[in-house]
C-alpha cells in the first residue's frame, strides 16, 4: 500500500474535527509550495503551463505571493505558481 492509499484509509476513519485539521494542513502546505515556486522564478524567465487543453509558453512579467503573471504574445495570464515549469 502506498502513502496515498494509507492516507485515504486514515481519512475514512476520521471525525469531523480531525478532517478540519487535515484540511488546514493541506492549505498551509499548498501555500508553502506556491511561495517556494515563486522564489525560484525571476522576471524574464521563460515558463510553460497547461491551459484550456494546450501548453502555453511565455515570459514571467510579474511575481505575486502565490501567482505569476505570464505574457504570451499579447496575452497576459495570471497563473498559480505551482502550475508553472521551466520552458
Foldseek 3Di string as FASTA:
>chain_A
DDPVVVVVVVVVPDDPVVVVVVVVVVVVVLLVVQQVLLVVDDFQFWKWFDDPHDIAIFTFHDGDSFWTWTDGPPDTDTGGSVRIDGD
